[in-house]
Amino acid sequence: MKYGHTKLSLNYGNVVRVTLDNQATVMLLDSLNYARFCAEKKYEYEGGFATISPYDIFVPSQGDWDLVIHPESPSGKLKYSIKIIK
């Protein structure tokens, strides 16, 4: 897997809880920054390198978001689940 991608419609104050079976970089990006990520340009995101599971990201504003999960294992394999806490 190059990376996992999920589109989400979220509200301010929601928490995105990602449960992982291995370490990964977990990023919550707005649409502009996701486009920059895909174009391999400089981008900003909420989240970071998840060494523990579950990993929580607090949603900073209402809108449509892109959740990107990039596995850090050499095999590139990763199982994950996503839960939105309102």
PDB file of N, CA and C in Angstrom:
ATOM      1  N   MET A   1       0.843  -1.167   0.000  1.00  0.00           N
ATOM      2  CA  MET A   1       0.000   0.000   0.000  1.00  0.00           C
ATOM      3  C   MET A   1       0.890   1.232   0.000  1.00  0.00           C
ATOM      4  N   LYS A   2       0.662   2.121  -0.952  1.00  0.00           N
ATOM      5  CA  LYS A   2       1.389   3.384  -0.948  1.00  0.00           C
ATOM      6  C   LYS A   2       0.901   4.216   0.237  1.00  0.00           C
ATOM      7  N   TYR A   3      -0.407   4.424   0.313  1.00  0.00           N
ATOM      8  CA  TYR A   3      -1.026   5.049   1.481  1.00  0.00           C
ATOM      9  C   TYR A   3      -2.534   4.830   1.415  1.00  0.00           C
ATOM     10  N   GLY A   4      -3.161   4.889   2.584  1.00  0.00           N
ATOM     11  CA  GLY A   4      -4.611   4.813   2.644  1.00  0.00           C
ATOM     12  C   GLY A   4      -5.189   6.220   2.593  1.00  0.00           C
ATOM     13  N   HIS A   5      -6.352   6.358   1.965  1.00  0.00           N
ATOM     14  CA  HIS A   5      -6.980   7.673   1.820  1.00  0.00           C
ATOM     15  C   HIS A   5      -8.481   7.538   2.046  1.00  0.00           C
ATOM     16  N   THR A   6      -9.019   8.430   2.881  1.00  0.00           N
ATOM     17  CA  THR A   6     -10.451   8.459   3.147  1.00  0.00           C
ATOM     18  C   THR A   6     -10.922   9.898   3.184  1.00  0.00           C
ATOM     19  N   LYS A   7     -12.019  10.204   2.478  1.00  0.00           N
ATOM     20  CA  LYS A   7     -12.628  11.537   2.530  1.00  0.00           C
ATOM     21  C   LYS A   7     -13.613  11.556   3.687  1.00  0.00           C
ATOM     22  N   LEU A   8     -13.589  12.656   4.453  1.00  0.00           N
ATOM     23  CA  LEU A   8     -14.451  12.783   5.622  1.00  0.00           C
ATOM     24  C   LEU A   8     -15.089  14.166   5.658  1.00  0.00           C
ATOM     25  N   SER A   9     -16.348  14.227   6.085  1.00  0.00           N
ATOM     26  CA  SER A   9     -17.021  15.491   6.349  1.00  0.00           C
ATOM     27  C   SER A   9     -17.101  15.619   7.864  1.00  0.00           C
ATOM     28  N   LEU A  10     -16.402  16.628   8.419  1.00  0.00           N
ATOM     29  CA  LEU A  10     -16.216  16.712   9.868  1.00  0.00           C
ATOM     30  C   LEU A  10     -16.610  18.084  10.404  1.00  0.00           C
ATOM     31  N   ASN A  11     -16.883  18.119  11.695  1.00  0.00           N
ATOM     32  CA  ASN A  11     -17.215  19.355  12.384  1.00  0.00           C
ATOM     33  C   ASN A  11     -16.102  19.727  13.353  1.00  0.00           C
ATOM     34  N   TYR A  12     -16.029  21.020  13.651  1.00  0.00           N
ATOM     35  CA  TYR A  12     -15.074  21.500  14.640  1.00  0.00           C
ATOM     36  C   TYR A  12     -15.302  20.735  15.947  1.00  0.00           C
ATOM     37  N   GLY A  13     -14.232  20.274  16.557  1.00  0.00           N
ATOM     38  CA  GLY A  13     -14.324  19.572  17.832  1.00  0.00           C
ATOM     39  C   GLY A  13     -14.458  18.071  17.723  1.00  0.00           C
ATOM     40  N   ASN A  14     -14.762  17.560  16.508  1.00  0.00           N
ATOM     41  CA  ASN A  14     -14.771  16.109  16.339  1.00  0.00           C
ATOM     42  C   ASN A  14     -13.363  15.581  16.591  1.00  0.00           C
ATOM     43  N   VAL A  15     -13.293  14.303  16.895  1.00  0.00           N
ATOM     44  CA  VAL A  15     -12.008  13.624  17.031  1.00  0.00           C
ATOM     45  C   VAL A  15     -12.005  12.468  16.030  1.00  0.00           C
ATOM     46  N   VAL A  16     -10.962  12.396  15.232  1.00  0.00           N
ATOM     47  CA  VAL A  16     -10.767  11.257  14.331  1.00  0.00           C
ATOM     48  C   VAL A  16      -9.857  10.282  15.066  1.00  0.00           C
ATOM     49  N   ARG A  17     -10.400   9.113  15.381  1.00  0.00           N
ATOM     50  CA  ARG A  17      -9.623   8.094  16.096  1.00  0.00           C
ATOM     51  C   ARG A  17      -9.245   6.998  15.096  1.00  0.00           C
ATOM     52  N   VAL A  18      -7.940   6.814  14.922  1.00  0.00           N
ATOM     53  CA  VAL A  18      -7.417   5.815  13.992  1.00  0.00           C
ATOM     54  C   VAL A  18      -6.764   4.704  14.814  1.00  0.00           C
ATOM     55  N   THR A  19      -7.243   3.486  14.607  1.00  0.00           N
ATOM     56  CA  THR A  19      -6.659   2.319  15.258  1.00  0.00           C
ATOM     57  C   THR A  19      -5.771   1.619  14.235  1.00  0.00           C
ATOM     58  N   LEU A  20      -4.519   1.390  14.604  1.00  0.00           N
ATOM     59  CA  LEU A  20      -3.504   0.862  13.685  1.00  0.00           C
ATOM     60  C   LEU A  20      -2.912  -0.440  14.217  1.00  0.00           C
ATOM     61  N   ASP A  21      -2.476  -1.304  13.312  1.00  0.00           N
ATOM     62  CA  ASP A  21      -1.769  -2.507  13.752  1.00  0.00           C
ATOM     63  C   ASP A  21      -0.251  -2.358  13.641  1.00  0.00           C
ATOM     64  N   ASN A  22       0.198  -1.167  13.219  1.00  0.00           N
ATOM     65  CA  ASN A  22       1.623  -0.889  13.092  1.00  0.00           C
ATOM     66  C   ASN A  22       1.823   0.626  13.076  1.00  0.00           C
ATOM     67  N   GLN A  23       3.035   1.081  13.216  1.00  0.00           N
ATOM     68  CA  GLN A  23       3.313   2.514  13.176  1.00  0.00           C
ATOM     69  C   GLN A  23       3.006   3.074  11.789  1.00  0.00           C
ATOM     70  N   ALA A  24       2.547   4.330  11.788  1.00  0.00           N
ATOM     71  CA  ALA A  24       2.213   4.976  10.519  1.00  0.00           C
ATOM     72  C   ALA A  24       2.194   6.483  10.714  1.00  0.00           C
ATOM     73  N   THR A  25       2.324   7.203   9.616  1.00  0.00           N
ATOM     74  CA  THR A  25       2.099   8.637   9.634  1.00  0.00           C
ATOM     75  C   THR A  25       0.635   8.854   9.303  1.00  0.00           C
ATOM     76  N   VAL A  26      -0.056   9.579  10.191  1.00  0.00           N
ATOM     77  CA  VAL A  26      -1.497   9.814  10.043  1.00  0.00           C
ATOM     78  C   VAL A  26      -1.692  11.310   9.849  1.00  0.00           C
ATOM     79  N   MET A  27      -2.309  11.692   8.716  1.00  0.00           N
ATOM     80  CA  MET A  27      -2.446  13.109   8.379  1.00  0.00           C
ATOM     81  C   MET A  27      -3.889  13.446   8.037  1.00  0.00           C
ATOM     82  N   LEU A  28      -4.378  14.525   8.602  1.00  0.00           N
ATOM     83  CA  LEU A  28      -5.682  15.077   8.275  1.00  0.00           C
ATOM     84  C   LEU A  28      -5.428  16.379   7.526  1.00  0.00           C
ATOM     85  N   LEU A  29      -5.846  16.416   6.253  1.00  0.00           N
ATOM     86  CA  LEU A  29      -5.550  17.550   5.391  1.00  0.00           C
ATOM     87  C   LEU A  29      -6.831  18.157   4.835  1.00  0.00           C
ATOM     88  N   ASP A  30      -6.858  19.483   4.701  1.00  0.00           N
ATOM     89  CA  ASP A  30      -7.962  20.099   3.969  1.00  0.00           C
ATOM     90  C   ASP A  30      -7.724  19.853   2.476  1.00  0.00           C
ATOM     91  N   SER A  31      -8.704  20.223   1.640  1.00  0.00           N
ATOM     92  CA  SER A  31      -8.606  19.873   0.215  1.00  0.00           C
ATOM     93  C   SER A  31      -7.420  20.542  -0.478  1.00  0.00           C
ATOM     94  N   LEU A  32      -7.109  21.771  -0.109  1.00  0.00           N
ATOM     95  CA  LEU A  32      -5.966  22.453  -0.715  1.00  0.00           C
ATOM     96  C   LEU A  32      -4.663  21.732  -0.380  1.00  0.00           C
ATOM     97  N   ASN A  33      -4.483  21.385   0.882  1.00  0.00           N
ATOM     98  CA  ASN A  33      -3.252  20.711   1.278  1.00  0.00           C
ATOM     99  C   ASN A  33      -3.186  19.280   0.761  1.00  0.00           C
ATOM    100  N   TYR A  34      -4.335  18.624   0.594  1.00  0.00           N
ATOM    101  CA  TYR A  34      -4.307  17.285  -0.001  1.00  0.00           C
ATOM    102  C   TYR A  34      -3.859  17.370  -1.463  1.00  0.00           C
ATOM    103  N   ALA A  35      -4.343  18.371  -2.179  1.00  0.00           N
ATOM    104  CA  ALA A  35      -3.901  18.564  -3.567  1.00  0.00           C
ATOM    105  C   ALA A  35      -2.396  18.826  -3.620  1.00  0.00           C
ATOM    106  N   ARG A  36      -1.885  19.608  -2.681  1.00  0.00           N
ATOM    107  CA  ARG A  36      -0.448  19.878  -2.627  1.00  0.00           C
ATOM    108  C   ARG A  36       0.325  18.602  -2.278  1.00  0.00           C
ATOM    109  N   PHE A  37      -0.222  17.790  -1.353  1.00  0.00           N
ATOM    110  CA  PHE A  37       0.389  16.502  -1.001  1.00  0.00           C
ATOM    111  C   PHE A  37       0.501  15.618  -2.246  1.00  0.00           C
ATOM    112  N   CYS A  38      -0.589  15.527  -3.000  1.00  0.00           N
ATOM    113  CA  CYS A  38      -0.599  14.687  -4.213  1.00  0.00           C
ATOM    114  C   CYS A  38       0.371  15.199  -5.271  1.00  0.00           C
ATOM    115  N   ALA A  39       0.565  16.513  -5.313  1.00  0.00           N
ATOM    116  CA  ALA A  39       1.481  17.123  -6.286  1.00  0.00           C
ATOM    117  C   ALA A  39       2.923  17.144  -5.775  1.00  0.00           C
ATOM    118  N   GLU A  40       3.140  16.552  -4.581  1.00  0.00           N
ATOM    119  CA  GLU A  40       4.453  16.502  -3.950  1.00  0.00           C
ATOM    120  C   GLU A  40       5.035  17.896  -3.716  1.00  0.00           C
ATOM    121  N   LYS A  41       4.137  18.814  -3.317  1.00  0.00           N
ATOM    122  CA  LYS A  41       4.550  20.160  -2.935  1.00  0.00           C
ATOM    123  C   LYS A  41       4.457  20.272  -1.423  1.00  0.00           C
ATOM    124  N   LYS A  42       4.923  21.372  -0.877  1.00  0.00           N
ATOM    125  CA  LYS A  42       4.873  21.585   0.559  1.00  0.00           C
ATOM    126  C   LYS A  42       3.407  21.685   1.007  1.00  0.00           C
ATOM    127  N   TYR A  43       3.089  21.014   2.106  1.00  0.00           N
ATOM    128  CA  TYR A  43       1.713  20.990   2.604  1.00  0.00           C
ATOM    129  C   TYR A  43       1.724  20.996   4.130  1.00  0.00           C
ATOM    130  N   GLU A  44       0.561  21.327   4.703  1.00  0.00           N
ATOM    131  CA  GLU A  44       0.388  21.334   6.149  1.00  0.00           C
ATOM    132  C   GLU A  44      -0.735  20.376   6.511  1.00  0.00           C
ATOM    133  N   TYR A  45      -0.667  19.825   7.716  1.00  0.00           N
ATOM    134  CA  TYR A  45      -1.668  18.842   8.137  1.00  0.00           C
ATOM    135  C   TYR A  45      -1.760  18.783   9.653  1.00  0.00           C
ATOM    136  N   GLU A  46      -2.849  18.197  10.123  1.00  0.00           N
ATOM    137  CA  GLU A  46      -3.007  17.859  11.533  1.00  0.00           C
ATOM    138  C   GLU A  46      -2.607  16.394  11.668  1.00  0.00           C
ATOM    139  N   GLY A  47      -2.022  16.016  12.786  1.00  0.00           N
ATOM    140  CA  GLY A  47      -1.641  14.622  12.993  1.00  0.00           C
ATOM    141  C   GLY A  47      -0.148  14.487  13.145  1.00  0.00           C
ATOM    142  N   GLY A  48       0.373  13.333  12.741  1.00  0.00           N
ATOM    143  CA  GLY A  48       1.799  13.091  12.862  1.00  0.00           C
ATOM    144  C   GLY A  48       2.122  11.612  12.812  1.00  0.00           C
ATOM    145  N   PHE A  49       3.287  11.270  13.344  1.00  0.00           N
ATOM    146  CA  PHE A  49       3.763   9.892  13.341  1.00  0.00           C
ATOM    147  C   PHE A  49       3.138   9.165  14.530  1.00  0.00           C
ATOM    148  N   ALA A  50       2.328   8.168  14.251  1.00  0.00           N
ATOM    149  CA  ALA A  50       1.608   7.428  15.289  1.00  0.00           C
ATOM    150  C   ALA A  50       2.423   6.222  15.741  1.00  0.00           C
ATOM    151  N   THR A  51       2.889   6.289  16.976  1.00  0.00           N
ATOM    152  CA  THR A  51       3.630   5.160  17.553  1.00  0.00           C
ATOM    153  C   THR A  51       2.752   4.365  18.514  1.00  0.00           C
ATOM    154  N   ILE A  52       1.585   4.938  18.846  1.00  0.00           N
ATOM    155  CA  ILE A  52       0.632   4.247  19.720  1.00  0.00           C
ATOM    156  C   ILE A  52      -0.713   4.171  19.012  1.00  0.00           C
ATOM    157  N   SER A  53      -1.514   3.222  19.433  1.00  0.00           N
ATOM    158  CA  SER A  53      -2.842   3.058  18.856  1.00  0.00           C
ATOM    159  C   SER A  53      -3.828   2.835  19.991  1.00  0.00           C
ATOM    160  N   PRO A  54      -4.977   3.494  19.956  1.00  0.00           N
ATOM    161  CA  PRO A  54      -5.453   4.376  18.884  1.00  0.00           C
ATOM    162  C   PRO A  54      -4.749   5.733  18.901  1.00  0.00           C
ATOM    163  N   TYR A  55      -4.811   6.392  17.764  1.00  0.00           N
ATOM    164  CA  TYR A  55      -4.202   7.703  17.573  1.00  0.00           C
ATOM    165  C   TYR A  55      -5.333   8.693  17.293  1.00  0.00           C
ATOM    166  N   ASP A  56      -5.410   9.755  18.079  1.00  0.00           N
ATOM    167  CA  ASP A  56      -6.489  10.736  17.950  1.00  0.00           C
ATOM    168  C   ASP A  56      -6.005  12.023  17.306  1.00  0.00           C
ATOM    169  N   ILE A  57      -6.853  12.565  16.414  1.00  0.00           N
ATOM    170  CA  ILE A  57      -6.599  13.870  15.806  1.00  0.00           C
ATOM    171  C   ILE A  57      -7.833  14.729  16.064  1.00  0.00           C
ATOM    172  N   PHE A  58      -7.632  15.902  16.632  1.00  0.00           N
ATOM    173  CA  PHE A  58      -8.720  16.835  16.874  1.00  0.00           C
ATOM    174  C   PHE A  58      -8.952  17.673  15.619  1.00  0.00           C
ATOM    175  N   VAL A  59     -10.208  17.789  15.214  1.00  0.00           N
ATOM    176  CA  VAL A  59     -10.569  18.502  13.983  1.00  0.00           C
ATOM    177  C   VAL A  59     -10.623  20.007  14.286  1.00  0.00           C
ATOM    178  N   PRO A  60      -9.803  20.810  13.571  1.00  0.00           N
ATOM    179  CA  PRO A  60      -9.705  22.234  13.890  1.00  0.00           C
ATOM    180  C   PRO A  60     -10.822  23.106  13.317  1.00  0.00           C
ATOM    181  N   SER A  61     -11.550  22.611  12.307  1.00  0.00           N
ATOM    182  CA  SER A  61     -12.626  23.405  11.718  1.00  0.00           C
ATOM    183  C   SER A  61     -13.567  22.500  10.921  1.00  0.00           C
ATOM    184  N   GLN A  62     -14.773  23.014  10.719  1.00  0.00           N
ATOM    185  CA  GLN A  62     -15.773  22.248   9.973  1.00  0.00           C
ATOM    186  C   GLN A  62     -15.423  22.228   8.493  1.00  0.00           C
ATOM    187  N   GLY A  63     -15.717  21.103   7.833  1.00  0.00           N
ATOM    188  CA  GLY A  63     -15.506  21.030   6.397  1.00  0.00           C
ATOM    189  C   GLY A  63     -15.209  19.629   5.930  1.00  0.00           C
ATOM    190  N   ASP A  64     -14.826  19.550   4.667  1.00  0.00           N
ATOM    191  CA  ASP A  64     -14.432  18.283   4.067  1.00  0.00           C
ATOM    192  C   ASP A  64     -12.932  18.111   4.246  1.00  0.00           C
ATOM    193  N   TRP A  65     -12.548  16.926   4.680  1.00  0.00           N
ATOM    194  CA  TRP A  65     -11.164  16.629   5.009  1.00  0.00           C
ATOM    195  C   TRP A  65     -10.725  15.347   4.316  1.00  0.00           C
ATOM    196  N   ASP A  66      -9.421  15.218   4.134  1.00  0.00           N
ATOM    197  CA  ASP A  66      -8.816  14.010   3.598  1.00  0.00           C
ATOM    198  C   ASP A  66      -7.925  13.417   4.675  1.00  0.00           C
ATOM    199  N   LEU A  67      -8.188  12.164   5.010  1.00  0.00           N
ATOM    200  CA  LEU A  67      -7.353  11.449   5.976  1.00  0.00           C
ATOM    201  C   LEU A  67      -6.408  10.551   5.198  1.00  0.00           C
ATOM    202  N   VAL A  68      -5.120  10.739   5.414  1.00  0.00           N
ATOM    203  CA  VAL A  68      -4.088   9.952   4.736  1.00  0.00           C
ATOM    204  C   VAL A  68      -3.330   9.160   5.797  1.00  0.00           C
ATOM    205  N   ILE A  69      -3.195   7.863   5.548  1.00  0.00           N
ATOM    206  CA  ILE A  69      -2.457   6.991   6.461  1.00  0.00           C
ATOM    207  C   ILE A  69      -1.342   6.338   5.671  1.00  0.00           C
ATOM    208  N   HIS A  70      -0.120   6.685   6.033  1.00  0.00           N
ATOM    209  CA  HIS A  70       1.059   6.208   5.303  1.00  0.00           C
ATOM    210  C   HIS A  70       1.808   5.208   6.179  1.00  0.00           C
ATOM    211  N   PRO A  71       1.847   3.927   5.776  1.00  0.00           N
ATOM    212  CA  PRO A  71       2.538   2.919   6.593  1.00  0.00           C
ATOM    213  C   PRO A  71       4.041   3.169   6.640  1.00  0.00           C
ATOM    214  N   GLU A  72       4.623   2.866   7.780  1.00  0.00           N
ATOM    215  CA  GLU A  72       6.063   3.049   7.963  1.00  0.00           C
ATOM    216  C   GLU A  72       6.824   1.727   7.974  1.00  0.00           C
ATOM    217  N   SER A  73       6.095   0.610   7.853  1.00  0.00           N
ATOM    218  CA  SER A  73       6.767  -0.689   7.864  1.00  0.00           C
ATOM    219  C   SER A  73       7.407  -0.949   6.502  1.00  0.00           C
ATOM    220  N   PRO A  74       8.517  -1.695   6.466  1.00  0.00           N
ATOM    221  CA  PRO A  74       9.181  -1.993   5.192  1.00  0.00           C
ATOM    222  C   PRO A  74       8.271  -2.716   4.194  1.00  0.00           C
ATOM    223  N   SER A  75       7.344  -3.531   4.700  1.00  0.00           N
ATOM    224  CA  SER A  75       6.449  -4.267   3.806  1.00  0.00           C
ATOM    225  C   SER A  75       5.375  -3.370   3.212  1.00  0.00           C
ATOM    226  N   GLY A  76       5.110  -2.234   3.863  1.00  0.00           N
ATOM    227  CA  GLY A  76       4.063  -1.337   3.387  1.00  0.00           C
ATOM    228  C   GLY A  76       2.669  -1.811   3.738  1.00  0.00           C
ATOM    229  N   LYS A  77       2.577  -2.880   4.533  1.00  0.00           N
ATOM    230  CA  LYS A  77       1.272  -3.423   4.900  1.00  0.00           C
ATOM    231  C   LYS A  77       0.806  -2.783   6.197  1.00  0.00           C
ATOM    232  N   LEU A  78      -0.488  -2.479   6.246  1.00  0.00           N
ATOM    233  CA  LEU A  78      -1.051  -1.845   7.420  1.00  0.00           C
ATOM    234  C   LEU A  78      -2.553  -2.075   7.444  1.00  0.00           C
ATOM    235  N   LYS A  79      -3.052  -2.476   8.596  1.00  0.00           N
ATOM    236  CA  LYS A  79      -4.493  -2.569   8.802  1.00  0.00           C
ATOM    237  C   LYS A  79      -4.876  -1.435   9.734  1.00  0.00           C
ATOM    238  N   TYR A  80      -5.988  -0.778   9.409  1.00  0.00           N
ATOM    239  CA  TYR A  80      -6.428   0.328  10.247  1.00  0.00           C
ATOM    240  C   TYR A  80      -7.943   0.455  10.206  1.00  0.00           C
ATOM    241  N   SER A  81      -8.470   1.136  11.209  1.00  0.00           N
ATOM    242  CA  SER A  81      -9.893   1.468  11.222  1.00  0.00           C
ATOM    243  C   SER A  81     -10.017   2.906  11.690  1.00  0.00           C
ATOM    244  N   ILE A  82     -11.143   3.535  11.299  1.00  0.00           N
ATOM    245  CA  ILE A  82     -11.362   4.940  11.588  1.00  0.00           C
ATOM    246  C   ILE A  82     -12.695   5.079  12.312  1.00  0.00           C
ATOM    247  N   LYS A  83     -12.704   5.883  13.368  1.00  0.00           N
ATOM    248  CA  LYS A  83     -13.928   6.168  14.101  1.00  0.00           C
ATOM    249  C   LYS A  83     -13.987   7.680  14.333  1.00  0.00           C
ATOM    250  N   ILE A  84     -15.163   8.270  14.098  1.00  0.00           N
ATOM    251  CA  ILE A  84     -15.348   9.689  14.356  1.00  0.00           C
ATOM    252  C   ILE A  84     -16.069   9.829  15.697  1.00  0.00           C
ATOM    253  N   ILE A  85     -15.464  10.577  16.611  1.00  0.00           N
ATOM    254  CA  ILE A  85     -16.050  10.827  17.922  1.00  0.00           C
ATOM    255  C   ILE A  85     -16.590  12.251  17.913  1.00  0.00           C
ATOM    256  N   LYS A  86     -17.893  12.363  18.164  1.00  0.00           N
ATOM    257  CA  LYS A  86     -18.552  13.682  18.102  1.00  0.00           C
ATOM    258  C   LYS A  86     -18.743  14.254  19.480  1.00  0.00           C
TER     259      LYS A  86
END
